[in-house]
Amino acid sequence: MPDDVSARFAEHFAATLTGLTGVAIETAPHVTGGSEDATFFMRRVQERGGQAIYAVVGSDIPSGHHTPEFDINEADFPWVIEALATGIMGLGRKSPD
């Protein structure tokens, strides 16, 4: 995967979040511990010449995922969906050869 794909995604994602308070964007130039099923699919896409990005939207809830205390703030869904869609659309589409 070209190194700039994640950066371009983050740029478009961040543009959608401009003006929101309490939002921070962090990018990692390496794969961080993600779900093994997601990384399996990403690897398969990349082996076939495609591009893949693993994006995580965090929360101010201190409990981690997969714990009894985990709860998600449904009020965040609209802006998260808009930001993810904008990031994806900003990457453009590669036409088939």
PDB file of N, CA and C in Angstrom:
ATOM      1  N   MET A   1       0.845  -1.172   0.000  1.00  0.00           N
ATOM      2  CA  MET A   1       0.000   0.000   0.000  1.00  0.00           C
ATOM      3  C   MET A   1       0.894   1.239   0.000  1.00  0.00           C
ATOM      4  N   PRO A   2       0.629   2.189  -0.888  1.00  0.00           N
ATOM      5  CA  PRO A   2       1.423   3.414  -0.872  1.00  0.00           C
ATOM      6  C   PRO A   2       1.317   4.109   0.479  1.00  0.00           C
ATOM      7  N   ASP A   3       2.442   4.661   0.940  1.00  0.00           N
ATOM      8  CA  ASP A   3       2.477   5.297   2.251  1.00  0.00           C
ATOM      9  C   ASP A   3       1.522   6.480   2.359  1.00  0.00           C
ATOM     10  N   ASP A   4       1.232   7.151   1.239  1.00  0.00           N
ATOM     11  CA  ASP A   4       0.438   8.366   1.326  1.00  0.00           C
ATOM     12  C   ASP A   4      -1.059   8.105   1.451  1.00  0.00           C
ATOM     13  N   VAL A   5      -1.508   6.874   1.275  1.00  0.00           N
ATOM     14  CA  VAL A   5      -2.942   6.587   1.336  1.00  0.00           C
ATOM     15  C   VAL A   5      -3.502   6.909   2.719  1.00  0.00           C
ATOM     16  N   SER A   6      -2.849   6.462   3.766  1.00  0.00           N
ATOM     17  CA  SER A   6      -3.324   6.745   5.122  1.00  0.00           C
ATOM     18  C   SER A   6      -3.312   8.237   5.403  1.00  0.00           C
ATOM     19  N   ALA A   7      -2.263   8.915   4.943  1.00  0.00           N
ATOM     20  CA  ALA A   7      -2.170  10.359   5.161  1.00  0.00           C
ATOM     21  C   ALA A   7      -3.278  11.094   4.420  1.00  0.00           C
ATOM     22  N   ARG A   8      -3.570  10.692   3.181  1.00  0.00           N
ATOM     23  CA  ARG A   8      -4.641  11.342   2.420  1.00  0.00           C
ATOM     24  C   ARG A   8      -5.999  11.088   3.074  1.00  0.00           C
ATOM     25  N   PHE A   9      -6.210   9.852   3.539  1.00  0.00           N
ATOM     26  CA  PHE A   9      -7.463   9.537   4.231  1.00  0.00           C
ATOM     27  C   PHE A   9      -7.600  10.424   5.468  1.00  0.00           C
ATOM     28  N   ALA A  10      -6.545  10.502   6.268  1.00  0.00           N
ATOM     29  CA  ALA A  10      -6.583  11.302   7.496  1.00  0.00           C
ATOM     30  C   ALA A  10      -6.835  12.772   7.186  1.00  0.00           C
ATOM     31  N   GLU A  11      -6.258  13.268   6.095  1.00  0.00           N
ATOM     32  CA  GLU A  11      -6.454  14.671   5.714  1.00  0.00           C
ATOM     33  C   GLU A  11      -7.931  14.957   5.429  1.00  0.00           C
ATOM     34  N   HIS A  12      -8.567  14.111   4.638  1.00  0.00           N
ATOM     35  CA  HIS A  12      -9.981  14.307   4.321  1.00  0.00           C
ATOM     36  C   HIS A  12     -10.864  14.064   5.548  1.00  0.00           C
ATOM     37  N   PHE A  13     -10.504  13.067   6.346  1.00  0.00           N
ATOM     38  CA  PHE A  13     -11.232  12.768   7.579  1.00  0.00           C
ATOM     39  C   PHE A  13     -11.170  13.980   8.503  1.00  0.00           C
ATOM     40  N   ALA A  14      -9.964  14.525   8.683  1.00  0.00           N
ATOM     41  CA  ALA A  14      -9.762  15.662   9.579  1.00  0.00           C
ATOM     42  C   ALA A  14     -10.517  16.894   9.101  1.00  0.00           C
ATOM     43  N   ALA A  15     -10.582  17.100   7.786  1.00  0.00           N
ATOM     44  CA  ALA A  15     -11.282  18.265   7.249  1.00  0.00           C
ATOM     45  C   ALA A  15     -12.749  18.259   7.661  1.00  0.00           C
ATOM     46  N   THR A  16     -13.332  17.095   7.761  1.00  0.00           N
ATOM     47  CA  THR A  16     -14.732  16.973   8.163  1.00  0.00           C
ATOM     48  C   THR A  16     -14.915  17.342   9.630  1.00  0.00           C
ATOM     49  N   LEU A  17     -13.884  17.132  10.427  1.00  0.00           N
ATOM     50  CA  LEU A  17     -13.985  17.345  11.871  1.00  0.00           C
ATOM     51  C   LEU A  17     -13.627  18.758  12.297  1.00  0.00           C
ATOM     52  N   THR A  18     -13.202  19.596  11.351  1.00  0.00           N
ATOM     53  CA  THR A  18     -12.807  20.959  11.675  1.00  0.00           C
ATOM     54  C   THR A  18     -13.954  21.674  12.384  1.00  0.00           C
ATOM     55  N   GLY A  19     -13.631  22.292  13.485  1.00  0.00           N
ATOM     56  CA  GLY A  19     -14.645  23.038  14.218  1.00  0.00           C
ATOM     57  C   GLY A  19     -15.298  22.262  15.348  1.00  0.00           C
ATOM     58  N   LEU A  20     -15.133  20.953  15.376  1.00  0.00           N
ATOM     59  CA  LEU A  20     -15.693  20.180  16.481  1.00  0.00           C
ATOM     60  C   LEU A  20     -14.769  20.292  17.685  1.00  0.00           C
ATOM     61  N   THR A  21     -15.331  20.442  18.861  1.00  0.00           N
ATOM     62  CA  THR A  21     -14.505  20.527  20.060  1.00  0.00           C
ATOM     63  C   THR A  21     -14.280  19.134  20.633  1.00  0.00           C
ATOM     64  N   GLY A  22     -13.149  18.957  21.254  1.00  0.00           N
ATOM     65  CA  GLY A  22     -12.845  17.693  21.907  1.00  0.00           C
ATOM     66  C   GLY A  22     -12.473  16.575  20.957  1.00  0.00           C
ATOM     67  N   VAL A  23     -12.090  16.916  19.725  1.00  0.00           N
ATOM     68  CA  VAL A  23     -11.735  15.897  18.743  1.00  0.00           C
ATOM     69  C   VAL A  23     -10.243  15.984  18.465  1.00  0.00           C
ATOM     70  N   ALA A  24      -9.564  14.863  18.554  1.00  0.00           N
ATOM     71  CA  ALA A  24      -8.140  14.793  18.236  1.00  0.00           C
ATOM     72  C   ALA A  24      -7.931  13.686  17.220  1.00  0.00           C
ATOM     73  N   ILE A  25      -7.028  13.920  16.284  1.00  0.00           N
ATOM     74  CA  ILE A  25      -6.721  12.905  15.280  1.00  0.00           C
ATOM     75  C   ILE A  25      -5.275  12.492  15.462  1.00  0.00           C
ATOM     76  N   GLU A  26      -5.063  11.206  15.579  1.00  0.00           N
ATOM     77  CA  GLU A  26      -3.724  10.657  15.690  1.00  0.00           C
ATOM     78  C   GLU A  26      -3.541   9.670  14.556  1.00  0.00           C
ATOM     79  N   THR A  27      -2.390   9.720  13.923  1.00  0.00           N
ATOM     80  CA  THR A  27      -2.100   8.750  12.871  1.00  0.00           C
ATOM     81  C   THR A  27      -0.874   7.958  13.278  1.00  0.00           C
ATOM     82  N   ALA A  28      -0.831   6.727  12.885  1.00  0.00           N
ATOM     83  CA  ALA A  28       0.302   5.855  13.177  1.00  0.00           C
ATOM     84  C   ALA A  28       0.829   5.322  11.849  1.00  0.00           C
ATOM     85  N   PRO A  29       2.125   5.435  11.615  1.00  0.00           N
ATOM     86  CA  PRO A  29       2.677   4.957  10.349  1.00  0.00           C
ATOM     87  C   PRO A  29       2.861   3.443  10.313  1.00  0.00           C
ATOM     88  N   HIS A  30       2.338   2.776  11.281  1.00  0.00           N
ATOM     89  CA  HIS A  30       2.492   1.324  11.365  1.00  0.00           C
ATOM     90  C   HIS A  30       1.164   0.704  11.794  1.00  0.00           C
ATOM     91  N   VAL A  31       1.060  -0.568  11.637  1.00  0.00           N
ATOM     92  CA  VAL A  31      -0.154  -1.256  12.063  1.00  0.00           C
ATOM     93  C   VAL A  31      -0.113  -1.398  13.575  1.00  0.00           C
ATOM     94  N   THR A  32      -1.142  -0.907  14.213  1.00  0.00           N
ATOM     95  CA  THR A  32      -1.242  -1.086  15.656  1.00  0.00           C
ATOM     96  C   THR A  32      -2.130  -2.290  15.913  1.00  0.00           C
ATOM     97  N   GLY A  33      -2.156  -2.752  17.122  1.00  0.00           N
ATOM     98  CA  GLY A  33      -2.927  -3.950  17.428  1.00  0.00           C
ATOM     99  C   GLY A  33      -4.387  -3.794  17.036  1.00  0.00           C
ATOM    100  N   GLY A  34      -4.747  -4.441  15.987  1.00  0.00           N
ATOM    101  CA  GLY A  34      -6.132  -4.391  15.533  1.00  0.00           C
ATOM    102  C   GLY A  34      -6.718  -5.781  15.565  1.00  0.00           C
ATOM    103  N   SER A  35      -7.929  -5.852  15.218  1.00  0.00           N
ATOM    104  CA  SER A  35      -8.618  -7.129  15.171  1.00  0.00           C
ATOM    105  C   SER A  35      -7.996  -8.013  14.101  1.00  0.00           C
ATOM    106  N   GLU A  36      -7.706  -9.249  14.447  1.00  0.00           N
ATOM    107  CA  GLU A  36      -7.047 -10.133  13.479  1.00  0.00           C
ATOM    108  C   GLU A  36      -7.902 -10.390  12.251  1.00  0.00           C
ATOM    109  N   ASP A  37      -9.227 -10.376  12.391  1.00  0.00           N
ATOM    110  CA  ASP A  37     -10.051 -10.579  11.199  1.00  0.00           C
ATOM    111  C   ASP A  37      -9.945  -9.383  10.258  1.00  0.00           C
ATOM    112  N   ALA A  38      -9.866  -8.177  10.803  1.00  0.00           N
ATOM    113  CA  ALA A  38      -9.712  -6.990   9.957  1.00  0.00           C
ATOM    114  C   ALA A  38      -8.363  -7.006   9.253  1.00  0.00           C
ATOM    115  N   THR A  39      -7.308  -7.363   9.966  1.00  0.00           N
ATOM    116  CA  THR A  39      -5.993  -7.387   9.327  1.00  0.00           C
ATOM    117  C   THR A  39      -5.896  -8.511   8.302  1.00  0.00           C
ATOM    118  N   PHE A  40      -6.606  -9.614   8.499  1.00  0.00           N
ATOM    119  CA  PHE A  40      -6.647 -10.687   7.501  1.00  0.00           C
ATOM    120  C   PHE A  40      -7.249 -10.164   6.203  1.00  0.00           C
ATOM    121  N   PHE A  41      -8.388  -9.487   6.301  1.00  0.00           N
ATOM    122  CA  PHE A  41      -9.023  -8.937   5.102  1.00  0.00           C
ATOM    123  C   PHE A  41      -8.144  -7.878   4.440  1.00  0.00           C
ATOM    124  N   MET A  42      -7.510  -7.041   5.242  1.00  0.00           N
ATOM    125  CA  MET A  42      -6.626  -6.016   4.684  1.00  0.00           C
ATOM    126  C   MET A  42      -5.485  -6.648   3.903  1.00  0.00           C
ATOM    127  N   ARG A  43      -4.877  -7.670   4.464  1.00  0.00           N
ATOM    128  CA  ARG A  43      -3.765  -8.342   3.788  1.00  0.00           C
ATOM    129  C   ARG A  43      -4.219  -8.928   2.458  1.00  0.00           C
ATOM    130  N   ARG A  44      -5.382  -9.558   2.443  1.00  0.00           N
ATOM    131  CA  ARG A  44      -5.892 -10.159   1.197  1.00  0.00           C
ATOM    132  C   ARG A  44      -6.130  -9.088   0.128  1.00  0.00           C
ATOM    133  N   VAL A  45      -6.674  -7.963   0.516  1.00  0.00           N
ATOM    134  CA  VAL A  45      -6.900  -6.864  -0.427  1.00  0.00           C
ATOM    135  C   VAL A  45      -5.566  -6.369  -0.973  1.00  0.00           C
ATOM    136  N   GLN A  46      -4.589  -6.174  -0.091  1.00  0.00           N
ATOM    137  CA  GLN A  46      -3.283  -5.668  -0.499  1.00  0.00           C
ATOM    138  C   GLN A  46      -2.538  -6.664  -1.375  1.00  0.00           C
ATOM    139  N   GLU A  47      -2.671  -7.949  -1.108  1.00  0.00           N
ATOM    140  CA  GLU A  47      -2.024  -8.968  -1.938  1.00  0.00           C
ATOM    141  C   GLU A  47      -2.546  -8.941  -3.368  1.00  0.00           C
ATOM    142  N   ARG A  48      -3.728  -8.426  -3.545  1.00  0.00           N
ATOM    143  CA  ARG A  48      -4.340  -8.349  -4.875  1.00  0.00           C
ATOM    144  C   ARG A  48      -4.207  -6.955  -5.484  1.00  0.00           C
ATOM    145  N   GLY A  49      -3.334  -6.137  -4.911  1.00  0.00           N
ATOM    146  CA  GLY A  49      -3.061  -4.819  -5.467  1.00  0.00           C
ATOM    147  C   GLY A  49      -3.961  -3.711  -4.962  1.00  0.00           C
ATOM    148  N   GLY A  50      -4.857  -4.027  -4.037  1.00  0.00           N
ATOM    149  CA  GLY A  50      -5.761  -3.015  -3.503  1.00  0.00           C
ATOM    150  C   GLY A  50      -5.140  -2.272  -2.334  1.00  0.00           C
ATOM    151  N   GLN A  51      -5.879  -1.338  -1.809  1.00  0.00           N
ATOM    152  CA  GLN A  51      -5.432  -0.553  -0.673  1.00  0.00           C
ATOM    153  C   GLN A  51      -6.396  -0.768   0.482  1.00  0.00           C
ATOM    154  N   ALA A  52      -5.862  -0.757   1.686  1.00  0.00           N
ATOM    155  CA  ALA A  52      -6.692  -0.982   2.865  1.00  0.00           C
ATOM    156  C   ALA A  52      -6.230  -0.080   3.998  1.00  0.00           C
ATOM    157  N   ILE A  53      -7.172   0.385   4.764  1.00  0.00           N
ATOM    158  CA  ILE A  53      -6.881   1.233   5.918  1.00  0.00           C
ATOM    159  C   ILE A  53      -7.696   0.717   7.096  1.00  0.00           C
ATOM    160  N   TYR A  54      -7.079   0.678   8.254  1.00  0.00           N
ATOM    161  CA  TYR A  54      -7.776   0.308   9.483  1.00  0.00           C
ATOM    162  C   TYR A  54      -7.954   1.593  10.280  1.00  0.00           C
ATOM    163  N   ALA A  55      -9.169   2.023  10.456  1.00  0.00           N
ATOM    164  CA  ALA A  55      -9.446   3.264  11.178  1.00  0.00           C
ATOM    165  C   ALA A  55     -10.257   2.945  12.426  1.00  0.00           C
ATOM    166  N   VAL A  56      -9.910   3.605  13.497  1.00  0.00           N
ATOM    167  CA  VAL A  56     -10.610   3.417  14.763  1.00  0.00           C
ATOM    168  C   VAL A  56     -11.081   4.783  15.246  1.00  0.00           C
ATOM    169  N   VAL A  57     -12.309   4.852  15.653  1.00  0.00           N
ATOM    170  CA  VAL A  57     -12.838   6.071  16.248  1.00  0.00           C
ATOM    171  C   VAL A  57     -12.929   5.826  17.740  1.00  0.00           C
ATOM    172  N   GLY A  58     -12.235   6.641  18.485  1.00  0.00           N
ATOM    173  CA  GLY A  58     -12.165   6.448  19.925  1.00  0.00           C
ATOM    174  C   GLY A  58     -13.335   7.065  20.663  1.00  0.00           C
ATOM    175  N   SER A  59     -13.232   7.050  21.953  1.00  0.00           N
ATOM    176  CA  SER A  59     -14.297   7.532  22.817  1.00  0.00           C
ATOM    177  C   SER A  59     -13.680   8.052  24.102  1.00  0.00           C
ATOM    178  N   ASP A  60     -14.397   8.919  24.764  1.00  0.00           N
ATOM    179  CA  ASP A  60     -13.905   9.390  26.061  1.00  0.00           C
ATOM    180  C   ASP A  60     -14.340   8.468  27.199  1.00  0.00           C
ATOM    181  N   ILE A  61     -14.983   7.371  26.866  1.00  0.00           N
ATOM    182  CA  ILE A  61     -15.389   6.383  27.864  1.00  0.00           C
ATOM    183  C   ILE A  61     -14.146   5.576  28.252  1.00  0.00           C
ATOM    184  N   PRO A  62     -13.776   5.549  29.531  1.00  0.00           N
ATOM    185  CA  PRO A  62     -12.514   4.929  29.921  1.00  0.00           C
ATOM    186  C   PRO A  62     -12.451   3.408  29.762  1.00  0.00           C
ATOM    187  N   SER A  63     -13.571   2.736  29.693  1.00  0.00           N
ATOM    188  CA  SER A  63     -13.545   1.284  29.571  1.00  0.00           C
ATOM    189  C   SER A  63     -13.155   0.883  28.154  1.00  0.00           C
ATOM    190  N   GLY A  64     -12.392  -0.174  28.031  1.00  0.00           N
ATOM    191  CA  GLY A  64     -11.980  -0.653  26.714  1.00  0.00           C
ATOM    192  C   GLY A  64     -13.082  -1.432  26.020  1.00  0.00           C
ATOM    193  N   HIS A  65     -12.826  -1.748  24.756  1.00  0.00           N
ATOM    194  CA  HIS A  65     -13.770  -2.583  24.005  1.00  0.00           C
ATOM    195  C   HIS A  65     -13.855  -3.962  24.655  1.00  0.00           C
ATOM    196  N   HIS A  66     -14.935  -4.639  24.418  1.00  0.00           N
ATOM    197  CA  HIS A  66     -15.142  -6.018  24.878  1.00  0.00           C
ATOM    198  C   HIS A  66     -15.092  -6.145  26.397  1.00  0.00           C
ATOM    199  N   THR A  67     -15.564  -5.116  27.091  1.00  0.00           N
ATOM    200  CA  THR A  67     -15.683  -5.179  28.545  1.00  0.00           C
ATOM    201  C   THR A  67     -17.142  -4.909  28.914  1.00  0.00           C
ATOM    202  N   PRO A  68     -17.590  -5.378  30.071  1.00  0.00           N
ATOM    203  CA  PRO A  68     -18.982  -5.149  30.469  1.00  0.00           C
ATOM    204  C   PRO A  68     -19.331  -3.662  30.608  1.00  0.00           C
ATOM    205  N   GLU A  69     -18.341  -2.820  30.895  1.00  0.00           N
ATOM    206  CA  GLU A  69     -18.597  -1.397  31.103  1.00  0.00           C
ATOM    207  C   GLU A  69     -18.607  -0.597  29.806  1.00  0.00           C
ATOM    208  N   PHE A  70     -18.217  -1.213  28.701  1.00  0.00           N
ATOM    209  CA  PHE A  70     -18.139  -0.463  27.443  1.00  0.00           C
ATOM    210  C   PHE A  70     -19.515   0.038  27.031  1.00  0.00           C
ATOM    211  N   ASP A  71     -19.565   1.275  26.640  1.00  0.00           N
ATOM    212  CA  ASP A  71     -20.791   1.878  26.127  1.00  0.00           C
ATOM    213  C   ASP A  71     -20.372   2.857  25.044  1.00  0.00           C
ATOM    214  N   ILE A  72     -21.214   3.041  24.066  1.00  0.00           N
ATOM    215  CA  ILE A  72     -20.874   3.939  22.970  1.00  0.00           C
ATOM    216  C   ILE A  72     -21.848   5.104  22.967  1.00  0.00           C
ATOM    217  N   ASN A  73     -21.367   6.244  22.564  1.00  0.00           N
ATOM    218  CA  ASN A  73     -22.201   7.432  22.511  1.00  0.00           C
ATOM    219  C   ASN A  73     -22.844   7.520  21.125  1.00  0.00           C
ATOM    220  N   GLU A  74     -24.080   7.086  21.023  1.00  0.00           N
ATOM    221  CA  GLU A  74     -24.778   7.068  19.737  1.00  0.00           C
ATOM    222  C   GLU A  74     -24.900   8.452  19.114  1.00  0.00           C
ATOM    223  N   ALA A  75     -24.843   9.497  19.915  1.00  0.00           N
ATOM    224  CA  ALA A  75     -24.927  10.861  19.383  1.00  0.00           C
ATOM    225  C   ALA A  75     -23.738  11.185  18.479  1.00  0.00           C
ATOM    226  N   ASP A  76     -22.644  10.437  18.617  1.00  0.00           N
ATOM    227  CA  ASP A  76     -21.463  10.660  17.775  1.00  0.00           C
ATOM    228  C   ASP A  76     -21.580  10.012  16.398  1.00  0.00           C
ATOM    229  N   PHE A  77     -22.531   9.119  16.204  1.00  0.00           N
ATOM    230  CA  PHE A  77     -22.630   8.388  14.936  1.00  0.00           C
ATOM    231  C   PHE A  77     -22.701   9.282  13.700  1.00  0.00           C
ATOM    232  N   PRO A  78     -23.549  10.312  13.666  1.00  0.00           N
ATOM    233  CA  PRO A  78     -23.652  11.095  12.425  1.00  0.00           C
ATOM    234  C   PRO A  78     -22.334  11.714  11.979  1.00  0.00           C
ATOM    235  N   TRP A  79     -21.586  12.342  12.897  1.00  0.00           N
ATOM    236  CA  TRP A  79     -20.344  12.975  12.456  1.00  0.00           C
ATOM    237  C   TRP A  79     -19.272  11.949  12.145  1.00  0.00           C
ATOM    238  N   VAL A  80     -19.278  10.819  12.845  1.00  0.00           N
ATOM    239  CA  VAL A  80     -18.302   9.769  12.546  1.00  0.00           C
ATOM    240  C   VAL A  80     -18.559   9.199  11.151  1.00  0.00           C
ATOM    241  N   ILE A  81     -19.808   8.916  10.840  1.00  0.00           N
ATOM    242  CA  ILE A  81     -20.145   8.372   9.520  1.00  0.00           C
ATOM    243  C   ILE A  81     -19.789   9.372   8.430  1.00  0.00           C
ATOM    244  N   GLU A  82     -20.098  10.643   8.651  1.00  0.00           N
ATOM    245  CA  GLU A  82     -19.761  11.669   7.660  1.00  0.00           C
ATOM    246  C   GLU A  82     -18.246  11.765   7.464  1.00  0.00           C
ATOM    247  N   ALA A  83     -17.501  11.745   8.563  1.00  0.00           N
ATOM    248  CA  ALA A  83     -16.045  11.852   8.467  1.00  0.00           C
ATOM    249  C   ALA A  83     -15.444  10.644   7.757  1.00  0.00           C
ATOM    250  N   LEU A  84     -15.905   9.444   8.082  1.00  0.00           N
ATOM    251  CA  LEU A  84     -15.395   8.244   7.411  1.00  0.00           C
ATOM    252  C   LEU A  84     -15.727   8.269   5.924  1.00  0.00           C
ATOM    253  N   ALA A  85     -16.954   8.643   5.588  1.00  0.00           N
ATOM    254  CA  ALA A  85     -17.354   8.704   4.178  1.00  0.00           C
ATOM    255  C   ALA A  85     -16.531   9.739   3.424  1.00  0.00           C
ATOM    256  N   THR A  86     -16.294  10.890   4.036  1.00  0.00           N
ATOM    257  CA  THR A  86     -15.495  11.928   3.396  1.00  0.00           C
ATOM    258  C   THR A  86     -14.063  11.452   3.191  1.00  0.00           C
ATOM    259  N   GLY A  87     -13.511  10.768   4.181  1.00  0.00           N
ATOM    260  CA  GLY A  87     -12.158  10.229   4.039  1.00  0.00           C
ATOM    261  C   GLY A  87     -12.052   9.232   2.909  1.00  0.00           C
ATOM    262  N   ILE A  88     -13.019   8.358   2.808  1.00  0.00           N
ATOM    263  CA  ILE A  88     -13.018   7.339   1.755  1.00  0.00           C
ATOM    264  C   ILE A  88     -13.201   7.983   0.389  1.00  0.00           C
ATOM    265  N   MET A  89     -14.173   8.873   0.268  1.00  0.00           N
ATOM    266  CA  MET A  89     -14.434   9.523  -1.014  1.00  0.00           C
ATOM    267  C   MET A  89     -13.236  10.362  -1.452  1.00  0.00           C
ATOM    268  N   GLY A  90     -12.517  10.922  -0.489  1.00  0.00           N
ATOM    269  CA  GLY A  90     -11.360  11.745  -0.814  1.00  0.00           C
ATOM    270  C   GLY A  90     -10.217  10.967  -1.436  1.00  0.00           C
ATOM    271  N   LEU A  91     -10.211   9.670  -1.240  1.00  0.00           N
ATOM    272  CA  LEU A  91      -9.151   8.851  -1.828  1.00  0.00           C
ATOM    273  C   LEU A  91      -9.336   8.680  -3.332  1.00  0.00           C
ATOM    274  N   GLY A  92     -10.540   8.877  -3.812  1.00  0.00           N
ATOM    275  CA  GLY A  92     -10.804   8.695  -5.236  1.00  0.00           C
ATOM    276  C   GLY A  92     -10.910   7.221  -5.576  1.00  0.00           C
ATOM    277  N   ARG A  93     -11.126   6.975  -6.821  1.00  0.00           N
ATOM    278  CA  ARG A  93     -11.274   5.590  -7.277  1.00  0.00           C
ATOM    279  C   ARG A  93     -10.254   5.291  -8.350  1.00  0.00           C
ATOM    280  N   LYS A  94      -9.718   4.118  -8.286  1.00  0.00           N
ATOM    281  CA  LYS A  94      -8.768   3.670  -9.295  1.00  0.00           C
ATOM    282  C   LYS A  94      -9.553   2.917 -10.364  1.00  0.00           C
ATOM    283  N   SER A  95      -9.394   3.333 -11.604  1.00  0.00           N
ATOM    284  CA  SER A  95     -10.112   2.648 -12.679  1.00  0.00           C
ATOM    285  C   SER A  95      -9.417   1.338 -13.003  1.00  0.00           C
ATOM    286  N   PRO A  96     -10.180   0.316 -13.392  1.00  0.00           N
ATOM    287  CA  PRO A  96      -9.575  -0.980 -13.727  1.00  0.00           C
ATOM    288  C   PRO A  96      -8.666  -0.860 -14.942  1.00  0.00           C
ATOM    289  N   ASP A  97      -7.594  -1.614 -14.938  1.00  0.00           N
ATOM    290  CA  ASP A  97      -6.649  -1.587 -16.076  1.00  0.00           C
ATOM    291  C   ASP A  97      -7.181  -2.387 -17.229  1.00  0.00           C
TER     292      ASP A  97
END
